[in-house]
Amino acid sequence: MIESLISLDKRVFLFLNGLNFSWLNPIMDFVSGQFLWFPFIGLSLYFAFKQLSRKNFYIFILFMVLVLILSDTTSSYVLKNLTERLRPCREQDLKPLIYSFGQKCGGRFGFVSSHAANSLALTLFCLRTLKLPKVFFAVFLLLPFLVSYSRIYLGVHYPGDILGGLLVGTFWSSIYVFFWRNLSTEQDG
């Protein structure tokens, strides 16, 4: 059963990684980077500042930081070291089959994707605690899935790594949304 899942994961990875275009390379490289998150975080803080009391605004910032720390720690240090699953770009039999344009491979292990975990954790926490205009809601929701696909495109994660990361992100965001709903000092409008 496990071998069948690993084989399927590799086949799906090669298919998705094979959907590439030279004009898309710099876009996927950018999407996988950290600069993409500056506008997201800035807009989230702007909406939080406008919608929340001062005390809840500071709690919101604290929870944003905590959800990222716990999501990243779970994905980058706990699960990657427990599973020790090599990234696709570290697998010698796959290297010649992976689309390459000079991108970096990253650390040795890939399960779970911390990019997927962190981006979804932060996004879901913000989407579930703030009232956003529909256009921002849609764009914010799209971001973690675009980031996740970029990791496959760059050859550094299997789809299973992404799914695992999305589960970690969902878990930590749900925990902090629960805390938010029970600990924020008052209902802000």
Protein backbone atom coordinates (compact mmCIF):
# COMPACT_ATOMS: atom_id res chain seq x y z
CA MET A 1 0.00 0.00 0.00
CA ILE A 2 2.72 2.48 1.02
CA GLU A 3 4.79 1.62 -2.06
CA SER A 4 1.76 2.23 -4.29
CA LEU A 5 1.21 5.65 -2.70
CA ILE A 6 4.89 6.58 -3.11
CA SER A 7 4.80 5.48 -6.74
CA LEU A 8 1.63 7.49 -7.38
CA ASP A 9 3.17 10.52 -5.65
CA LYS A 10 6.22 10.32 -7.96
CA ARG A 11 4.09 9.97 -11.09
CA VAL A 12 1.86 12.92 -10.15
CA PHE A 13 4.97 14.93 -9.25
CA LEU A 14 6.57 14.28 -12.65
CA PHE A 15 3.35 15.21 -14.44
CA LEU A 16 2.90 18.47 -12.52
CA ASN A 17 6.59 19.35 -12.67
CA GLY A 18 6.45 18.75 -16.42
CA LEU A 19 3.85 21.51 -16.86
CA ASN A 20 6.46 24.21 -17.32
CA PHE A 21 7.27 27.17 -19.52
CA SER A 22 10.40 29.32 -19.54
CA TRP A 23 8.32 32.49 -19.06
CA LEU A 24 6.83 30.94 -15.90
CA ASN A 25 10.20 30.22 -14.25
CA PRO A 26 10.80 33.67 -12.69
CA ILE A 27 7.16 33.87 -11.59
CA MET A 28 7.33 30.51 -9.79
CA ASP A 29 10.67 31.46 -8.27
CA PHE A 30 9.10 34.70 -6.96
CA VAL A 31 5.93 32.97 -5.71
CA SER A 32 8.08 30.51 -3.78
CA GLY A 33 10.03 33.33 -2.14
CA GLN A 34 9.26 35.50 0.85
CA PHE A 35 8.66 38.89 -0.79
CA LEU A 36 5.22 37.75 -1.94
CA TRP A 37 4.10 37.72 1.70
CA PHE A 38 4.91 41.35 2.51
CA PRO A 39 1.77 42.76 0.83
CA PHE A 40 -0.36 39.96 2.34
CA ILE A 41 0.91 40.62 5.86
CA GLY A 42 0.65 44.38 5.36
CA LEU A 43 -2.96 44.15 4.18
CA SER A 44 -3.86 41.73 6.96
CA LEU A 45 -2.44 44.10 9.56
CA TYR A 46 -4.23 47.04 7.91
CA PHE A 47 -7.61 45.25 8.05
CA ALA A 48 -6.93 44.05 11.60
CA PHE A 49 -6.03 47.58 12.71
CA LYS A 50 -9.23 48.96 11.14
CA GLN A 51 -11.52 46.24 12.52
CA LEU A 52 -10.17 45.39 15.96
CA SER A 53 -9.75 47.14 19.27
CA ARG A 54 -6.17 47.99 20.18
CA LYS A 55 -5.92 45.03 22.58
CA ASN A 56 -7.36 42.58 20.03
CA PHE A 57 -5.05 43.99 17.37
CA TYR A 58 -2.04 43.06 19.51
CA ILE A 59 -3.52 39.63 20.24
CA PHE A 60 -4.04 39.20 16.48
CA ILE A 61 -0.37 39.98 15.80
CA LEU A 62 0.73 37.61 18.56
CA PHE A 63 -1.44 34.82 17.15
CA MET A 64 -0.13 35.44 13.60
CA VAL A 65 3.40 35.01 14.90
CA LEU A 66 2.53 31.93 16.98
CA VAL A 67 0.67 30.18 14.17
CA LEU A 68 3.70 30.68 11.92
CA ILE A 69 6.21 29.54 14.54
CA LEU A 70 4.27 26.38 15.38
CA SER A 71 3.47 25.55 11.77
CA ASP A 72 7.09 26.02 10.75
CA THR A 73 8.47 24.09 13.73
CA THR A 74 6.09 21.19 13.10
CA SER A 75 6.87 21.01 9.39
CA SER A 76 10.55 21.99 9.25
CA TYR A 77 11.92 20.35 12.37
CA VAL A 78 9.54 17.71 13.69
CA LEU A 79 8.01 15.98 10.66
CA LYS A 80 10.94 16.35 8.24
CA ASN A 81 13.31 14.83 10.79
CA LEU A 82 10.86 12.07 11.76
CA THR A 83 10.09 10.94 8.22
CA GLU A 84 13.43 11.70 6.52
CA ARG A 85 11.82 11.57 3.09
CA LEU A 86 14.19 12.95 0.49
CA ARG A 87 13.10 15.82 -1.70
CA PRO A 88 12.54 14.87 -5.35
CA CYS A 89 15.58 16.93 -6.37
CA ARG A 90 17.69 14.82 -3.96
CA GLU A 91 16.56 11.51 -5.51
CA GLN A 92 19.26 10.39 -7.94
CA ASP A 93 16.84 8.41 -10.15
CA LEU A 94 14.52 11.42 -10.49
CA LYS A 95 17.09 14.20 -10.97
CA PRO A 96 17.38 13.76 -14.76
CA LEU A 97 13.57 13.82 -15.11
CA ILE A 98 12.96 17.01 -13.10
CA TYR A 99 12.51 20.28 -14.97
CA SER A 100 15.54 22.36 -14.11
CA PHE A 101 16.40 25.96 -14.85
CA GLY A 102 19.06 26.49 -12.18
CA GLN A 103 16.75 26.66 -9.16
CA LYS A 104 17.97 25.62 -5.71
CA CYS A 105 17.02 22.28 -4.21
CA GLY A 106 16.72 23.22 -0.54
CA GLY A 107 17.38 21.02 2.46
CA ARG A 108 17.70 17.27 2.33
CA PHE A 109 14.21 16.25 3.48
CA GLY A 110 10.87 17.35 2.08
CA PHE A 111 7.97 15.83 4.03
CA VAL A 112 6.13 18.02 4.86
CA SER A 113 6.37 21.23 2.88
CA SER A 114 6.87 24.10 5.29
CA HIS A 115 5.97 26.56 2.49
CA ALA A 116 2.58 24.88 2.13
CA ALA A 117 2.08 24.61 5.90
CA ASN A 118 3.08 28.16 6.75
CA SER A 119 1.29 29.86 3.87
CA LEU A 120 -1.98 28.04 4.55
CA ALA A 121 -1.73 28.46 8.33
CA LEU A 122 -1.26 32.21 8.05
CA THR A 123 -3.87 32.61 5.32
CA LEU A 124 -6.58 30.58 7.03
CA PHE A 125 -5.99 32.31 10.34
CA CYS A 126 -6.40 35.74 8.70
CA LEU A 127 -9.37 34.70 6.57
CA ARG A 128 -11.21 33.21 9.54
CA THR A 129 -10.59 36.09 11.93
CA LEU A 130 -10.91 39.17 9.71
CA LYS A 131 -13.76 40.49 7.59
CA LEU A 132 -12.24 41.00 4.16
CA PRO A 133 -13.71 42.37 0.94
CA LYS A 134 -14.52 39.49 -1.44
CA VAL A 135 -11.71 40.30 -3.86
CA PHE A 136 -9.11 40.18 -1.06
CA PHE A 137 -10.66 37.00 0.32
CA ALA A 138 -10.33 35.28 -3.08
CA VAL A 139 -6.76 36.47 -3.70
CA PHE A 140 -5.67 35.57 -0.16
CA LEU A 141 -7.15 32.09 -0.51
CA LEU A 142 -5.40 31.54 -3.84
CA LEU A 143 -1.94 32.40 -2.46
CA PRO A 144 -1.13 29.23 -0.47
CA PHE A 145 -2.19 27.01 -3.35
CA LEU A 146 -0.06 28.99 -5.79
CA VAL A 147 2.88 28.78 -3.36
CA SER A 148 2.27 25.04 -2.98
CA TYR A 149 2.26 24.42 -6.72
CA SER A 150 5.44 26.49 -7.10
CA ARG A 151 7.21 24.01 -4.82
CA ILE A 152 6.32 21.14 -7.17
CA TYR A 153 7.20 23.26 -10.21
CA LEU A 154 10.63 23.98 -8.71
CA GLY A 155 11.16 20.25 -8.12
CA VAL A 156 11.60 20.48 -4.36
CA HIS A 157 8.41 18.77 -3.12
CA TYR A 158 6.18 15.87 -4.01
CA PRO A 159 2.41 16.42 -4.02
CA GLY A 160 2.27 14.29 -0.84
CA ASP A 161 4.66 16.73 0.85
CA ILE A 162 2.30 19.54 -0.13
CA LEU A 163 -0.79 17.73 1.17
CA GLY A 164 0.97 17.01 4.44
CA GLY A 165 1.95 20.68 4.72
CA LEU A 166 -1.60 21.80 4.00
CA LEU A 167 -2.84 19.53 6.80
CA VAL A 168 -0.28 20.98 9.23
CA GLY A 169 -1.28 24.52 8.23
CA THR A 170 -4.97 23.73 8.62
CA PHE A 171 -4.35 22.18 12.04
CA TRP A 172 -2.43 25.14 13.49
CA SER A 173 -4.72 27.76 11.98
CA SER A 174 -7.75 25.94 13.42
CA ILE A 175 -6.14 25.84 16.88
CA TYR A 176 -5.45 29.58 16.80
CA VAL A 177 -8.83 30.48 15.35
CA PHE A 178 -10.34 28.55 18.27
CA PHE A 179 -8.11 30.48 20.71
CA TRP A 180 -9.01 33.74 18.95
CA ARG A 181 -12.72 33.13 19.27
CA ASN A 182 -12.37 32.26 22.94
CA LEU A 183 -9.67 34.68 24.08
CA SER A 184 -10.13 37.89 22.13
CA THR A 185 -11.32 40.47 24.62
CA GLU A 186 -14.47 41.62 22.89
CA GLN A 187 -16.37 41.33 19.65
CA ASP A 188 -15.02 43.93 17.30
CA GLY A 189 -16.98 45.21 14.37
